[in-house]
Amino acid sequence: MVAGAALRTPDTEPSVRGSEWVAFEPATLDDAAVDRAEAWFLSAYRRAVKMAS
């Protein structure tokens, strides 16, 4: 779910690692790019914790 949402944003493409992964390569690592990456990690973490309990 997180990977699918991430792929609909700029500077992303499917990763060679598989469908659960996203390649994120912004030309400039500005505040917006950092915010997106942080949001994806936090979302994935919350989902993993929820699934583990």
C-alpha atoms as a PDB file:
ATOM      1  CA  MET A   1       0.000   0.000   0.000  1.00  0.00           C
ATOM      2  CA  VAL A   2       2.755   2.474   0.925  1.00  0.00           C
ATOM      3  CA  ALA A   3       4.826   1.583  -2.140  1.00  0.00           C
ATOM      4  CA  GLY A   4       1.817   2.084  -4.418  1.00  0.00           C
ATOM      5  CA  ALA A   5       1.144   5.527  -2.979  1.00  0.00           C
ATOM      6  CA  ALA A   6       4.810   6.470  -3.178  1.00  0.00           C
ATOM      7  CA  LEU A   7       4.962   5.519  -6.855  1.00  0.00           C
ATOM      8  CA  ARG A   8       2.322   8.143  -7.626  1.00  0.00           C
ATOM      9  CA  THR A   9       4.654  10.944  -6.498  1.00  0.00           C
ATOM     10  CA  PRO A  10       7.493  12.682  -8.338  1.00  0.00           C
ATOM     11  CA  ASP A  11      11.022  11.280  -8.521  1.00  0.00           C
ATOM     12  CA  THR A  12       9.985   7.654  -7.928  1.00  0.00           C
ATOM     13  CA  GLU A  13      10.007   4.488  -9.981  1.00  0.00           C
ATOM     14  CA  PRO A  14       9.594   0.781  -9.287  1.00  0.00           C
ATOM     15  CA  SER A  15      12.698  -0.716  -7.703  1.00  0.00           C
ATOM     16  CA  VAL A  16      14.557  -3.683  -9.120  1.00  0.00           C
ATOM     17  CA  ARG A  17      14.199  -5.206  -5.621  1.00  0.00           C
ATOM     18  CA  GLY A  18      10.517  -5.969  -6.207  1.00  0.00           C
ATOM     19  CA  SER A  19       7.008  -4.587  -5.867  1.00  0.00           C
ATOM     20  CA  GLU A  20       7.398  -3.812  -2.152  1.00  0.00           C
ATOM     21  CA  TRP A  21      10.241  -1.395  -2.903  1.00  0.00           C
ATOM     22  CA  VAL A  22      10.415   2.069  -4.483  1.00  0.00           C
ATOM     23  CA  ALA A  23      13.432   3.787  -5.994  1.00  0.00           C
ATOM     24  CA  PHE A  24      13.440   7.437  -4.894  1.00  0.00           C
ATOM     25  CA  GLU A  25      15.966   9.645  -6.657  1.00  0.00           C
ATOM     26  CA  PRO A  26      15.100  13.333  -6.444  1.00  0.00           C
ATOM     27  CA  ALA A  27      17.364  15.698  -8.380  1.00  0.00           C
ATOM     28  CA  THR A  28      17.473  17.915  -5.294  1.00  0.00           C
ATOM     29  CA  LEU A  29      16.987  16.703  -1.759  1.00  0.00           C
ATOM     30  CA  ASP A  30      14.865  19.667  -0.720  1.00  0.00           C
ATOM     31  CA  ASP A  31      12.428  19.921   2.201  1.00  0.00           C
ATOM     32  CA  ALA A  32       9.558  18.488   0.157  1.00  0.00           C
ATOM     33  CA  ALA A  33      11.578  15.408  -0.839  1.00  0.00           C
ATOM     34  CA  VAL A  34      12.709  14.825   2.742  1.00  0.00           C
ATOM     35  CA  ASP A  35       9.121  15.209   3.978  1.00  0.00           C
ATOM     36  CA  ARG A  36       7.892  12.602   1.468  1.00  0.00           C
ATOM     37  CA  ALA A  37      10.577  10.081   2.379  1.00  0.00           C
ATOM     38  CA  GLU A  38       9.958  10.585   6.095  1.00  0.00           C
ATOM     39  CA  ALA A  39       6.191  10.169   5.656  1.00  0.00           C
ATOM     40  CA  TRP A  40       6.674   6.905   3.722  1.00  0.00           C
ATOM     41  CA  PHE A  41       8.956   5.454   6.394  1.00  0.00           C
ATOM     42  CA  LEU A  42       6.644   6.465   9.235  1.00  0.00           C
ATOM     43  CA  SER A  43       3.614   5.064   7.430  1.00  0.00           C
ATOM     44  CA  ALA A  44       5.368   1.775   6.716  1.00  0.00           C
ATOM     45  CA  TYR A  45       6.556   1.561  10.328  1.00  0.00           C
ATOM     46  CA  ARG A  46       3.037   2.138  11.704  1.00  0.00           C
ATOM     47  CA  ARG A  47       1.644  -0.559   9.389  1.00  0.00           C
ATOM     48  CA  ALA A  48       4.370  -3.023  10.420  1.00  0.00           C
ATOM     49  CA  VAL A  49       3.756  -2.419  14.122  1.00  0.00           C
ATOM     50  CA  LYS A  50       0.006  -2.799  13.644  1.00  0.00           C
ATOM     51  CA  MET A  51       0.458  -6.068  11.734  1.00  0.00           C
ATOM     52  CA  ALA A  52       2.864  -7.449  14.367  1.00  0.00           C
ATOM     53  CA  SER A  53       0.423  -6.954  17.233  1.00  0.00           C
END
